[in-house]
Amino acid sequence: MTSSLVAFIARRVAAALVLVAVVSTAAFVLTHLAPGGPLTDVLIDGGDKVTVAKKWERLGLDRPLVTQLGDWVGGLARFDLGRSFEYDAPVAPIAREKAANTARLAAVALAIALIGLPVGVLTGARPDGWLSAVITPIAVALVSCPPIIGALGLLWLAVSTGWFSIAPGSLGVPSLALALPLAATLERLQSQATAEALRAPDVMAAAARGLSPQRVLWRHAAPQSLRPVLGIAGVLIGSLFSGSLAVEVVTGWPGLGQLMYGALAGRDVFLVAGCALVGAVVLAAGNLVADIVRALVDPRTRLA
């Protein structure tokens, strides 16, 4: 491992840590400052104020915000994310379980979406061909479609045809709702990158040496065209996880997004901050892996 690669990874790790710290801290502070309170519903329903005050004190929510934030940050060193008052249980195991479900959903969606890469190579190689004429309008429509709209459309299709299960915990609808827009995005990016790679001097020289068109495309142009696609892989991973929140709520998938939605609705401060922290860690890790792969493929990016 060269010194430039080590320095590049060190910079990216530092940036990932800053991202996690900012996102989780902002979630904690903003949830705390939002109108109402986690026990407001109890008071509205006629709950005993003395009992509510004692519970508020037991949760530590009666202390100043700075003190609460300092204690929460200090607890992170012990992997203690606080205690959820909605579940009356530590946040860490709850968030870990739901994050595993979200990761499983994202992994399946990403595996499906990768079909966009070889399809993009084919459409980029023959932009005037019949495959491009069929795929391009479909891809543009899917790129323009938010995941939540796709999820609603797939739910309607599932109910109408019975092709997919709509039972909570079924992977079909939520994974396709996330995968289809991502596959379309990958296809569009890969198609453009392939068309540009085929015009590169080294690829044109390979064609001039008499190599078959298929060999030129898959052995020379395709690997070269992956570099710009890998350059935004981190952004695509981020869109996958951000889109999963709405999709999980709509489809009933028991993941981190649905847990976050419930925590926000109930003003569960520690659960919101824990969900944000876990989500930021996953997002930062995805970006870090994408950056390292890009640096290995294209050493020029190590200077960034």
Protein backbone atom coordinates (compact mmCIF):
# COMPACT_ATOMS: atom_id res chain seq x y z
CA MET A 1 0.00 0.00 0.00
CA THR A 2 1.54 3.29 -1.12
CA SER A 3 1.87 6.38 1.06
CA SER A 4 -0.50 8.33 -1.20
CA LEU A 5 -3.20 5.69 -0.75
CA VAL A 6 -2.70 5.64 3.04
CA ALA A 7 -2.98 9.43 3.19
CA PHE A 8 -6.08 9.32 0.99
CA ILE A 9 -7.77 6.74 3.23
CA ALA A 10 -6.84 8.73 6.35
CA ARG A 11 -8.48 11.86 4.92
CA ARG A 12 -11.60 9.95 3.97
CA VAL A 13 -11.84 8.31 7.42
CA ALA A 14 -11.56 11.73 9.07
CA ALA A 15 -14.28 13.10 6.80
CA ALA A 16 -16.49 10.09 7.63
CA LEU A 17 -16.07 10.69 11.38
CA VAL A 18 -16.98 14.36 10.96
CA LEU A 19 -20.10 13.38 8.99
CA VAL A 20 -21.24 10.94 11.69
CA ALA A 21 -20.62 13.49 14.47
CA VAL A 22 -22.48 16.32 12.72
CA VAL A 23 -25.49 14.23 11.67
CA SER A 24 -26.03 12.54 15.04
CA THR A 25 -25.48 15.72 17.07
CA ALA A 26 -27.80 17.73 14.83
CA ALA A 27 -30.50 15.07 15.16
CA PHE A 28 -30.22 15.12 18.95
CA VAL A 29 -30.35 18.92 19.22
CA LEU A 30 -33.11 19.50 16.65
CA THR A 31 -35.34 16.80 18.11
CA HIS A 32 -34.87 18.29 21.58
CA LEU A 33 -35.71 21.81 20.34
CA ALA A 34 -38.78 20.79 18.35
CA PRO A 35 -42.17 21.95 19.73
CA GLY A 36 -43.93 19.70 22.21
CA GLY A 37 -42.25 16.96 24.14
CA PRO A 38 -41.97 13.19 24.36
CA LEU A 39 -44.53 13.02 27.14
CA THR A 40 -46.91 15.66 25.77
CA ASP A 41 -49.44 13.05 24.64
CA VAL A 42 -49.62 11.69 28.18
CA LEU A 43 -50.50 15.12 29.54
CA ILE A 44 -53.05 15.72 26.78
CA ASP A 45 -54.74 12.43 27.62
CA GLY A 46 -55.09 13.57 31.24
CA GLY A 47 -52.04 11.93 32.71
CA ASP A 48 -50.86 12.80 36.20
CA LYS A 49 -48.40 15.72 36.05
CA VAL A 50 -46.45 14.43 39.03
CA THR A 51 -45.99 11.03 37.42
CA VAL A 52 -44.98 12.63 34.13
CA ALA A 53 -42.47 14.87 35.91
CA LYS A 54 -40.91 11.90 37.68
CA LYS A 55 -40.58 9.99 34.43
CA TRP A 56 -39.11 13.08 32.77
CA GLU A 57 -36.55 13.29 35.57
CA ARG A 58 -35.78 9.57 35.37
CA LEU A 59 -35.03 9.92 31.66
CA GLY A 60 -32.78 12.87 32.36
CA LEU A 61 -34.80 15.19 30.12
CA ASP A 62 -35.22 17.82 32.83
CA ARG A 63 -31.55 18.82 32.63
CA PRO A 64 -30.11 21.54 30.36
CA LEU A 65 -29.63 20.58 26.70
CA VAL A 66 -25.85 21.03 26.89
CA THR A 67 -25.65 18.61 29.82
CA GLN A 68 -27.81 16.03 28.06
CA LEU A 69 -25.76 16.32 24.88
CA GLY A 70 -22.50 15.99 26.79
CA ASP A 71 -23.70 12.87 28.62
CA TRP A 72 -24.94 11.35 25.36
CA VAL A 73 -21.64 12.00 23.58
CA GLY A 74 -19.78 10.58 26.57
CA GLY A 75 -21.92 7.46 26.42
CA LEU A 76 -20.89 6.84 22.81
CA ALA A 77 -17.44 5.81 24.03
CA ARG A 78 -19.17 2.93 25.84
CA PHE A 79 -21.49 2.24 22.87
CA ASP A 80 -24.34 3.53 25.01
CA LEU A 81 -26.88 5.42 22.85
CA GLY A 82 -29.22 6.19 25.71
CA ARG A 83 -32.60 4.73 26.55
CA SER A 84 -35.79 4.91 24.51
CA PHE A 85 -38.77 5.95 26.59
CA GLU A 86 -41.17 4.60 23.94
CA TYR A 87 -39.73 1.08 24.15
CA ASP A 88 -38.36 1.53 27.69
CA ALA A 89 -35.18 -0.21 26.54
CA PRO A 90 -31.63 0.71 25.48
CA VAL A 91 -31.47 2.30 22.03
CA ALA A 92 -28.39 0.42 20.77
CA PRO A 93 -29.90 -3.09 20.37
CA ILE A 94 -33.13 -1.66 18.91
CA ALA A 95 -31.29 0.42 16.32
CA ARG A 96 -28.88 -2.42 15.56
CA GLU A 97 -31.71 -4.85 14.81
CA LYS A 98 -33.57 -2.40 12.56
CA ALA A 99 -30.34 -1.32 10.83
CA ALA A 100 -29.66 -4.96 9.96
CA ASN A 101 -33.08 -5.14 8.29
CA THR A 102 -32.41 -1.95 6.35
CA ALA A 103 -28.98 -3.24 5.30
CA ARG A 104 -30.58 -6.45 4.05
CA LEU A 105 -33.13 -4.48 2.05
CA ALA A 106 -30.43 -2.21 0.63
CA ALA A 107 -28.19 -5.16 -0.27
CA VAL A 108 -30.98 -6.88 -2.21
CA ALA A 109 -31.93 -3.61 -3.93
CA LEU A 110 -28.30 -2.92 -4.86
CA ALA A 111 -27.85 -6.45 -6.23
CA ILE A 112 -30.90 -5.94 -8.46
CA ALA A 113 -29.82 -2.44 -9.48
CA LEU A 114 -26.39 -3.60 -10.69
CA ILE A 115 -28.11 -4.93 -13.83
CA GLY A 116 -28.01 -1.31 -14.95
CA LEU A 117 -24.22 -1.49 -15.49
CA PRO A 118 -24.08 -4.13 -18.27
CA VAL A 119 -27.23 -2.71 -19.83
CA GLY A 120 -25.58 0.72 -19.83
CA VAL A 121 -22.52 -0.73 -21.58
CA LEU A 122 -24.74 -2.11 -24.34
CA THR A 123 -26.78 1.07 -24.80
CA GLY A 124 -23.65 3.20 -24.72
CA ALA A 125 -21.99 1.06 -27.37
CA ARG A 126 -24.99 1.35 -29.70
CA PRO A 127 -26.84 4.58 -28.84
CA ASP A 128 -28.88 4.32 -32.05
CA GLY A 129 -29.73 0.65 -31.64
CA TRP A 130 -33.07 -0.91 -30.78
CA LEU A 131 -32.05 -1.70 -27.19
CA SER A 132 -31.20 1.94 -26.51
CA ALA A 133 -34.48 3.04 -28.09
CA VAL A 134 -36.39 0.79 -25.67
CA ILE A 135 -34.30 1.27 -22.51
CA THR A 136 -33.63 5.02 -22.63
CA PRO A 137 -37.22 6.32 -22.17
CA ILE A 138 -37.88 3.73 -19.46
CA ALA A 139 -34.67 4.68 -17.64
CA VAL A 140 -35.42 8.40 -17.84
CA ALA A 141 -38.91 7.82 -16.42
CA LEU A 142 -37.54 5.70 -13.56
CA VAL A 143 -34.81 8.23 -12.73
CA SER A 144 -37.48 10.92 -12.48
CA CYS A 145 -39.69 8.77 -10.23
CA PRO A 146 -39.18 9.16 -6.45
CA PRO A 147 -38.92 5.82 -4.61
CA ILE A 148 -42.12 6.50 -2.65
CA ILE A 149 -44.09 6.89 -5.89
CA GLY A 150 -42.56 3.70 -7.20
CA ALA A 151 -43.46 1.93 -3.96
CA LEU A 152 -47.09 3.05 -4.22
CA GLY A 153 -47.22 1.95 -7.85
CA LEU A 154 -45.75 -1.44 -7.03
CA LEU A 155 -48.20 -1.86 -4.15
CA TRP A 156 -51.08 -1.18 -6.54
CA LEU A 157 -49.60 -3.68 -9.01
CA ALA A 158 -49.18 -6.27 -6.27
CA VAL A 159 -52.76 -5.87 -5.08
CA SER A 160 -54.13 -5.93 -8.63
CA THR A 161 -52.15 -8.88 -9.94
CA GLY A 162 -50.90 -10.79 -6.91
CA TRP A 163 -47.40 -10.90 -8.41
CA PHE A 164 -45.78 -9.69 -5.18
CA SER A 165 -46.57 -10.22 -1.53
CA ILE A 166 -47.61 -7.11 0.36
CA ALA A 167 -47.30 -8.69 3.80
CA PRO A 168 -45.05 -6.76 6.23
CA GLY A 169 -41.53 -8.13 5.97
CA SER A 170 -41.79 -9.16 2.30
CA LEU A 171 -38.79 -8.01 0.27
CA GLY A 172 -40.34 -7.88 -3.19
CA VAL A 173 -42.05 -4.49 -3.28
CA PRO A 174 -39.61 -2.44 -1.14
CA SER A 175 -36.50 -3.85 -2.85
CA LEU A 176 -37.87 -3.16 -6.34
CA ALA A 177 -39.02 0.32 -5.30
CA LEU A 178 -35.42 1.13 -4.32
CA ALA A 179 -33.69 -0.87 -7.07
CA LEU A 180 -35.50 0.36 -10.18
CA PRO A 181 -34.59 4.09 -9.93
CA LEU A 182 -31.03 3.17 -8.95
CA ALA A 183 -30.72 0.71 -11.85
CA ALA A 184 -31.97 3.39 -14.24
CA THR A 185 -29.46 5.89 -12.85
CA LEU A 186 -26.60 3.40 -13.23
CA GLU A 187 -27.70 2.61 -16.78
CA ARG A 188 -27.73 6.29 -17.79
CA LEU A 189 -24.33 6.97 -16.20
CA GLN A 190 -22.75 3.82 -17.59
CA SER A 191 -24.18 4.45 -21.05
CA GLN A 192 -22.67 7.93 -21.25
CA ALA A 193 -19.36 6.77 -19.77
CA THR A 194 -19.15 3.87 -22.25
CA ALA A 195 -19.81 6.15 -25.22
CA GLU A 196 -16.99 8.43 -24.03
CA ALA A 197 -14.64 5.52 -23.37
CA LEU A 198 -15.13 4.18 -26.90
CA ARG A 199 -13.81 7.52 -28.20
CA ALA A 200 -10.70 7.37 -26.01
CA PRO A 201 -7.40 7.10 -27.95
CA ASP A 202 -6.30 3.82 -26.35
CA VAL A 203 -9.65 2.13 -27.05
CA MET A 204 -9.66 3.38 -30.64
CA ALA A 205 -6.10 2.08 -31.01
CA ALA A 206 -7.22 -1.34 -29.75
CA ALA A 207 -9.98 -1.37 -32.38
CA ALA A 208 -7.48 -0.35 -35.06
CA ARG A 209 -5.32 -3.38 -34.21
CA GLY A 210 -8.12 -5.59 -35.47
CA LEU A 211 -9.61 -6.72 -32.17
CA SER A 212 -13.23 -7.83 -32.33
CA PRO A 213 -15.87 -5.22 -31.39
CA GLN A 214 -16.97 -7.33 -28.43
CA ARG A 215 -13.42 -7.59 -27.07
CA VAL A 216 -12.86 -3.87 -27.51
CA LEU A 217 -16.10 -3.13 -25.70
CA TRP A 218 -15.85 -5.51 -22.74
CA ARG A 219 -12.07 -5.76 -22.24
CA HIS A 220 -11.07 -2.17 -22.93
CA ALA A 221 -13.99 0.30 -22.92
CA ALA A 222 -16.11 -1.19 -20.12
CA PRO A 223 -13.41 -1.21 -17.39
CA GLN A 224 -12.36 2.31 -18.33
CA SER A 225 -15.95 3.54 -18.25
CA LEU A 226 -16.41 2.31 -14.68
CA ARG A 227 -14.15 5.04 -13.26
CA PRO A 228 -16.61 7.96 -13.51
CA VAL A 229 -19.44 5.73 -12.29
CA LEU A 230 -17.45 4.72 -9.22
CA GLY A 231 -16.79 8.41 -8.63
CA ILE A 232 -20.39 8.96 -7.56
CA ALA A 233 -20.99 5.53 -6.05
CA GLY A 234 -21.05 7.07 -2.58
CA VAL A 235 -23.82 9.47 -3.62
CA LEU A 236 -25.83 6.58 -5.06
CA ILE A 237 -25.45 4.59 -1.84
CA GLY A 238 -26.62 7.65 0.08
CA SER A 239 -29.69 7.94 -2.13
CA LEU A 240 -30.41 4.25 -1.54
CA PHE A 241 -30.51 4.70 2.24
CA SER A 242 -32.32 8.05 2.16
CA GLY A 243 -34.99 6.64 -0.13
CA SER A 244 -35.46 3.61 2.11
CA LEU A 245 -37.05 5.72 4.86
CA ALA A 246 -40.15 6.57 2.83
CA VAL A 247 -40.28 3.12 1.21
CA GLU A 248 -40.10 1.35 4.57
CA VAL A 249 -42.95 3.44 5.96
CA VAL A 250 -45.16 2.85 2.91
CA THR A 251 -44.47 -0.88 2.58
CA GLY A 252 -44.25 -1.73 6.28
CA TRP A 253 -40.66 -2.94 6.12
CA PRO A 254 -39.33 -3.20 9.72
CA GLY A 255 -36.14 -1.24 9.17
CA LEU A 256 -34.30 1.80 10.41
CA GLY A 257 -36.44 4.18 8.36
CA GLN A 258 -39.69 3.05 9.93
CA LEU A 259 -38.09 3.14 13.38
CA MET A 260 -36.88 6.69 12.75
CA TYR A 261 -40.33 7.78 11.60
CA GLY A 262 -41.93 6.45 14.78
CA ALA A 263 -39.22 8.03 16.93
CA LEU A 264 -39.71 11.42 15.28
CA ALA A 265 -43.47 11.22 15.67
CA GLY A 266 -43.08 10.40 19.37
CA ARG A 267 -40.21 12.83 19.98
CA ASP A 268 -38.10 9.98 21.34
CA VAL A 269 -34.90 12.05 21.55
CA PHE A 270 -32.38 9.28 22.23
CA LEU A 271 -33.96 6.92 19.70
CA VAL A 272 -33.91 9.62 17.00
CA ALA A 273 -30.26 10.40 17.71
CA GLY A 274 -29.38 6.70 17.76
CA CYS A 275 -31.10 6.07 14.43
CA ALA A 276 -29.36 9.09 12.91
CA LEU A 277 -26.01 7.88 14.25
CA VAL A 278 -26.40 4.36 12.88
CA GLY A 279 -27.66 5.67 9.54
CA ALA A 280 -24.74 8.11 9.31
CA VAL A 281 -22.26 5.32 10.10
CA VAL A 282 -23.69 3.13 7.34
CA LEU A 283 -23.70 6.02 4.87
CA ALA A 284 -20.15 7.05 5.80
CA ALA A 285 -18.94 3.46 5.50
CA GLY A 286 -20.53 3.13 2.07
CA ASN A 287 -18.90 6.35 0.90
CA LEU A 288 -15.56 5.27 2.34
CA VAL A 289 -15.64 1.90 0.55
CA ALA A 290 -16.62 3.59 -2.72
CA ASP A 291 -13.78 6.12 -2.37
CA ILE A 292 -11.22 3.39 -1.67
CA VAL A 293 -12.36 1.32 -4.66
CA ARG A 294 -12.22 4.42 -6.87
CA ALA A 295 -8.71 5.21 -5.61
CA LEU A 296 -7.57 1.68 -6.43
CA VAL A 297 -9.08 1.85 -9.92
CA ASP A 298 -7.90 5.38 -10.69
CA PRO A 299 -4.79 6.49 -8.70
CA ARG A 300 -5.34 10.10 -9.81
CA THR A 301 -8.22 10.43 -7.36
CA ARG A 302 -5.85 9.96 -4.40
CA LEU A 303 -4.80 13.57 -4.78
CA ALA A 304 -8.35 14.81 -4.11
